């Protein structure tokens, strides 16, 4: 896994600011875990606006550093779960292409961490089951195991 970008973290461990560096220059980014239910936070990744906020409707900037950005997303999830171990993270990419990207990173970059996390895939009909690589899920739920599997 590539080295993640350095980032700054909000006090509640729900916002992570970093700067993407690539052919399009330095682009401020924001990873945000937004509550959608009392125990579920949606993961959002977007460019950071001048006012420090995010706009998930913005198109991706495609700065040529997707692997390093995704490494940063994975690290932000680890940090989020360390502070909020009883919460779930809901991951739903903005498009089918983004969903596939998240799926690929979860299955290739988190194997060493899989003993510490539970993964569930949500189908388009809103049914969910234990995550299985190769299935095109609509979204993914991730939770930290209370007791890691050895």
C-alpha atoms as a PDB file:
ATOM      1  CA  UNK A   1       0.000   0.000   0.000  1.00  0.00           C
ATOM      2  CA  UNK A   2       1.290   3.456  -0.839  1.00  0.00           C
ATOM      3  CA  UNK A   3       2.141   5.845   1.950  1.00  0.00           C
ATOM      4  CA  UNK A   4      -0.971   7.898   2.767  1.00  0.00           C
ATOM      5  CA  UNK A   5      -0.867  11.670   2.587  1.00  0.00           C
ATOM      6  CA  UNK A   6      -0.268  13.546   5.831  1.00  0.00           C
ATOM      7  CA  UNK A   7      -3.557  14.859   7.159  1.00  0.00           C
ATOM      8  CA  UNK A   8      -5.038  16.962   9.901  1.00  0.00           C
ATOM      9  CA  UNK A   9      -7.893  15.577  11.962  1.00  0.00           C
ATOM     10  CA  UNK A  10     -10.846  17.280  13.595  1.00  0.00           C
ATOM     11  CA  UNK A  11     -11.221  16.840  17.350  1.00  0.00           C
ATOM     12  CA  UNK A  12     -14.088  14.379  16.957  1.00  0.00           C
ATOM     13  CA  UNK A  13     -12.117  12.286  14.409  1.00  0.00           C
ATOM     14  CA  UNK A  14     -14.809  12.754  11.746  1.00  0.00           C
ATOM     15  CA  UNK A  15     -13.044  15.126   9.320  1.00  0.00           C
ATOM     16  CA  UNK A  16      -9.645  14.595   7.714  1.00  0.00           C
ATOM     17  CA  UNK A  17      -8.001  17.329   5.625  1.00  0.00           C
ATOM     18  CA  UNK A  18      -5.123  16.573   3.265  1.00  0.00           C
ATOM     19  CA  UNK A  19      -3.686  17.857   0.011  1.00  0.00           C
ATOM     20  CA  UNK A  20      -3.551  15.789  -3.156  1.00  0.00           C
ATOM     21  CA  UNK A  21      -0.419  16.380  -5.256  1.00  0.00           C
ATOM     22  CA  UNK A  22      -0.420  15.439  -8.918  1.00  0.00           C
ATOM     23  CA  UNK A  23      -0.344  16.679 -12.505  1.00  0.00           C
ATOM     24  CA  UNK A  24      -3.203  19.116 -11.803  1.00  0.00           C
ATOM     25  CA  UNK A  25      -1.312  20.667  -8.890  1.00  0.00           C
ATOM     26  CA  UNK A  26      -2.034  20.676  -5.174  1.00  0.00           C
ATOM     27  CA  UNK A  27      -5.726  20.126  -4.460  1.00  0.00           C
ATOM     28  CA  UNK A  28      -7.134  20.365  -0.913  1.00  0.00           C
ATOM     29  CA  UNK A  29      -9.241  17.289  -0.067  1.00  0.00           C
ATOM     30  CA  UNK A  30     -11.643  16.404   2.710  1.00  0.00           C
ATOM     31  CA  UNK A  31     -12.620  12.998   4.030  1.00  0.00           C
ATOM     32  CA  UNK A  32     -15.730  13.276   6.167  1.00  0.00           C
ATOM     33  CA  UNK A  33     -17.692  10.761   8.215  1.00  0.00           C
ATOM     34  CA  UNK A  34     -21.234  12.167   8.318  1.00  0.00           C
ATOM     35  CA  UNK A  35     -23.900  10.653  10.566  1.00  0.00           C
ATOM     36  CA  UNK A  36     -26.856   9.140   8.703  1.00  0.00           C
ATOM     37  CA  UNK A  37     -28.162   7.086  11.644  1.00  0.00           C
ATOM     38  CA  UNK A  38     -27.295   6.964  15.331  1.00  0.00           C
ATOM     39  CA  UNK A  39     -24.636   4.287  14.660  1.00  0.00           C
ATOM     40  CA  UNK A  40     -23.863   4.747  10.956  1.00  0.00           C
ATOM     41  CA  UNK A  41     -21.635   7.360   9.334  1.00  0.00           C
ATOM     42  CA  UNK A  42     -21.330   7.806   5.579  1.00  0.00           C
ATOM     43  CA  UNK A  43     -17.808   8.182   4.265  1.00  0.00           C
ATOM     44  CA  UNK A  44     -17.431  11.128   1.906  1.00  0.00           C
ATOM     45  CA  UNK A  45     -14.357  12.122  -0.096  1.00  0.00           C
ATOM     46  CA  UNK A  46     -14.339  15.429  -1.963  1.00  0.00           C
ATOM     47  CA  UNK A  47     -12.328  18.502  -2.769  1.00  0.00           C
ATOM     48  CA  UNK A  48     -12.300  20.952   0.126  1.00  0.00           C
ATOM     49  CA  UNK A  49     -13.942  24.258  -0.735  1.00  0.00           C
ATOM     50  CA  UNK A  50     -12.348  27.607   0.149  1.00  0.00           C
ATOM     51  CA  UNK A  51     -14.641  27.887   3.186  1.00  0.00           C
ATOM     52  CA  UNK A  52     -13.385  24.519   4.501  1.00  0.00           C
ATOM     53  CA  UNK A  53     -16.621  22.694   3.730  1.00  0.00           C
ATOM     54  CA  UNK A  54     -17.252  19.926   1.224  1.00  0.00           C
ATOM     55  CA  UNK A  55     -19.540  19.500  -1.752  1.00  0.00           C
ATOM     56  CA  UNK A  56     -20.137  15.859  -2.645  1.00  0.00           C
ATOM     57  CA  UNK A  57     -21.781  16.890  -5.918  1.00  0.00           C
ATOM     58  CA  UNK A  58     -18.464  18.099  -7.359  1.00  0.00           C
ATOM     59  CA  UNK A  59     -16.970  15.830 -10.034  1.00  0.00           C
ATOM     60  CA  UNK A  60     -13.723  14.029  -9.107  1.00  0.00           C
ATOM     61  CA  UNK A  61     -10.569  15.986  -9.941  1.00  0.00           C
ATOM     62  CA  UNK A  62      -8.608  12.906 -11.089  1.00  0.00           C
ATOM     63  CA  UNK A  63      -5.219  14.261 -10.030  1.00  0.00           C
ATOM     64  CA  UNK A  64      -3.355  11.063 -10.962  1.00  0.00           C
ATOM     65  CA  UNK A  65      -2.790   9.970  -7.351  1.00  0.00           C
ATOM     66  CA  UNK A  66      -5.809   7.722  -6.748  1.00  0.00           C
ATOM     67  CA  UNK A  67      -3.807   5.013  -4.962  1.00  0.00           C
ATOM     68  CA  UNK A  68      -2.277   7.429  -2.500  1.00  0.00           C
ATOM     69  CA  UNK A  69      -5.655   9.111  -1.939  1.00  0.00           C
ATOM     70  CA  UNK A  70      -7.266   5.722  -1.284  1.00  0.00           C
ATOM     71  CA  UNK A  71      -4.458   4.824   1.142  1.00  0.00           C
ATOM     72  CA  UNK A  72      -5.319   8.036   2.977  1.00  0.00           C
ATOM     73  CA  UNK A  73      -9.014   7.070   3.028  1.00  0.00           C
ATOM     74  CA  UNK A  74      -8.146   3.651   4.517  1.00  0.00           C
ATOM     75  CA  UNK A  75      -5.991   5.286   7.208  1.00  0.00           C
ATOM     76  CA  UNK A  76      -8.778   7.754   8.034  1.00  0.00           C
ATOM     77  CA  UNK A  77     -11.151   4.818   8.556  1.00  0.00           C
ATOM     78  CA  UNK A  78      -8.705   3.182  10.972  1.00  0.00           C
ATOM     79  CA  UNK A  79      -8.433   6.458  12.897  1.00  0.00           C
ATOM     80  CA  UNK A  80     -12.227   6.938  12.880  1.00  0.00           C
ATOM     81  CA  UNK A  81     -12.811   3.433  14.252  1.00  0.00           C
ATOM     82  CA  UNK A  82     -10.171   3.878  16.957  1.00  0.00           C
ATOM     83  CA  UNK A  83     -12.180   6.836  18.266  1.00  0.00           C
ATOM     84  CA  UNK A  84     -15.663   5.435  17.472  1.00  0.00           C
ATOM     85  CA  UNK A  85     -15.390   1.617  17.801  1.00  0.00           C
ATOM     86  CA  UNK A  86     -19.162   1.122  18.123  1.00  0.00           C
ATOM     87  CA  UNK A  87     -19.978   2.967  14.873  1.00  0.00           C
ATOM     88  CA  UNK A  88     -20.406   1.641  11.339  1.00  0.00           C
ATOM     89  CA  UNK A  89     -19.094   3.264   8.161  1.00  0.00           C
ATOM     90  CA  UNK A  90     -21.269   3.248   5.061  1.00  0.00           C
ATOM     91  CA  UNK A  91     -19.326   3.480   1.798  1.00  0.00           C
ATOM     92  CA  UNK A  92     -21.179   4.329  -1.391  1.00  0.00           C
ATOM     93  CA  UNK A  93     -19.183   5.690  -4.303  1.00  0.00           C
ATOM     94  CA  UNK A  94     -20.598   8.497  -6.433  1.00  0.00           C
ATOM     95  CA  UNK A  95     -20.717   6.199  -9.472  1.00  0.00           C
ATOM     96  CA  UNK A  96     -20.319   2.525 -10.390  1.00  0.00           C
ATOM     97  CA  UNK A  97     -16.671   3.264 -11.215  1.00  0.00           C
ATOM     98  CA  UNK A  98     -16.087   4.717  -7.743  1.00  0.00           C
ATOM     99  CA  UNK A  99     -17.877   1.808  -6.063  1.00  0.00           C
ATOM    100  CA  UNK A 100     -15.587  -0.631  -7.877  1.00  0.00           C
ATOM    101  CA  UNK A 101     -12.577   1.410  -6.750  1.00  0.00           C
ATOM    102  CA  UNK A 102     -13.653   1.272  -3.100  1.00  0.00           C
ATOM    103  CA  UNK A 103     -14.401  -2.447  -3.393  1.00  0.00           C
ATOM    104  CA  UNK A 104     -10.973  -3.133  -4.886  1.00  0.00           C
ATOM    105  CA  UNK A 105      -9.196  -1.180  -2.177  1.00  0.00           C
ATOM    106  CA  UNK A 106     -11.145  -2.809   0.616  1.00  0.00           C
ATOM    107  CA  UNK A 107     -10.287  -6.282  -0.666  1.00  0.00           C
ATOM    108  CA  UNK A 108      -6.665  -5.614  -1.628  1.00  0.00           C
ATOM    109  CA  UNK A 109      -5.491  -3.060   0.931  1.00  0.00           C
ATOM    110  CA  UNK A 110      -7.273  -4.193   4.062  1.00  0.00           C
ATOM    111  CA  UNK A 111      -6.517  -7.947   4.189  1.00  0.00           C
ATOM    112  CA  UNK A 112      -4.046  -7.429   7.024  1.00  0.00           C
ATOM    113  CA  UNK A 113      -6.739  -5.512   8.875  1.00  0.00           C
ATOM    114  CA  UNK A 114      -9.606  -7.894   8.105  1.00  0.00           C
ATOM    115  CA  UNK A 115      -9.219  -9.633  11.456  1.00  0.00           C
ATOM    116  CA  UNK A 116     -10.161  -6.298  13.039  1.00  0.00           C
ATOM    117  CA  UNK A 117     -13.130  -5.358  10.825  1.00  0.00           C
ATOM    118  CA  UNK A 118     -16.423  -6.763   9.569  1.00  0.00           C
ATOM    119  CA  UNK A 119     -17.559  -6.078   6.002  1.00  0.00           C
ATOM    120  CA  UNK A 120     -21.100  -6.310   4.647  1.00  0.00           C
ATOM    121  CA  UNK A 121     -22.257  -5.756   1.080  1.00  0.00           C
ATOM    122  CA  UNK A 122     -25.581  -4.065   0.364  1.00  0.00           C
ATOM    123  CA  UNK A 123     -27.349  -5.137  -2.834  1.00  0.00           C
ATOM    124  CA  UNK A 124     -29.493  -2.837  -4.974  1.00  0.00           C
ATOM    125  CA  UNK A 125     -32.628  -4.352  -3.372  1.00  0.00           C
ATOM    126  CA  UNK A 126     -31.276  -3.183   0.042  1.00  0.00           C
ATOM    127  CA  UNK A 127     -30.537  -6.713   1.279  1.00  0.00           C
ATOM    128  CA  UNK A 128     -27.138  -7.173   2.845  1.00  0.00           C
ATOM    129  CA  UNK A 129     -24.847 -10.053   3.640  1.00  0.00           C
ATOM    130  CA  UNK A 130     -21.222 -10.788   4.482  1.00  0.00           C
ATOM    131  CA  UNK A 131     -19.021  -9.063   1.910  1.00  0.00           C
ATOM    132  CA  UNK A 132     -17.778 -11.304  -0.900  1.00  0.00           C
ATOM    133  CA  UNK A 133     -15.171 -10.042  -3.406  1.00  0.00           C
ATOM    134  CA  UNK A 134     -16.384 -10.007  -6.991  1.00  0.00           C
ATOM    135  CA  UNK A 135     -19.983  -9.061  -6.229  1.00  0.00           C
ATOM    136  CA  UNK A 136     -21.026  -5.611  -7.448  1.00  0.00           C
ATOM    137  CA  UNK A 137     -22.589  -4.218  -4.281  1.00  0.00           C
ATOM    138  CA  UNK A 138     -24.497  -0.947  -4.222  1.00  0.00           C
ATOM    139  CA  UNK A 139     -22.619   0.018  -1.046  1.00  0.00           C
ATOM    140  CA  UNK A 140     -20.571  -1.473   1.776  1.00  0.00           C
ATOM    141  CA  UNK A 141     -20.907  -1.323   5.555  1.00  0.00           C
ATOM    142  CA  UNK A 142     -17.775  -1.666   7.680  1.00  0.00           C
ATOM    143  CA  UNK A 143     -17.641  -2.147  11.440  1.00  0.00           C
ATOM    144  CA  UNK A 144     -14.795  -2.680  13.868  1.00  0.00           C
ATOM    145  CA  UNK A 145     -14.803  -6.061  15.563  1.00  0.00           C
ATOM    146  CA  UNK A 146     -15.028  -5.717  19.320  1.00  0.00           C
ATOM    147  CA  UNK A 147     -12.682  -8.680  19.612  1.00  0.00           C
ATOM    148  CA  UNK A 148     -10.192  -9.135  16.751  1.00  0.00           C
ATOM    149  CA  UNK A 149      -9.989 -12.588  15.190  1.00  0.00           C
ATOM    150  CA  UNK A 150      -6.535 -14.098  15.681  1.00  0.00           C
END
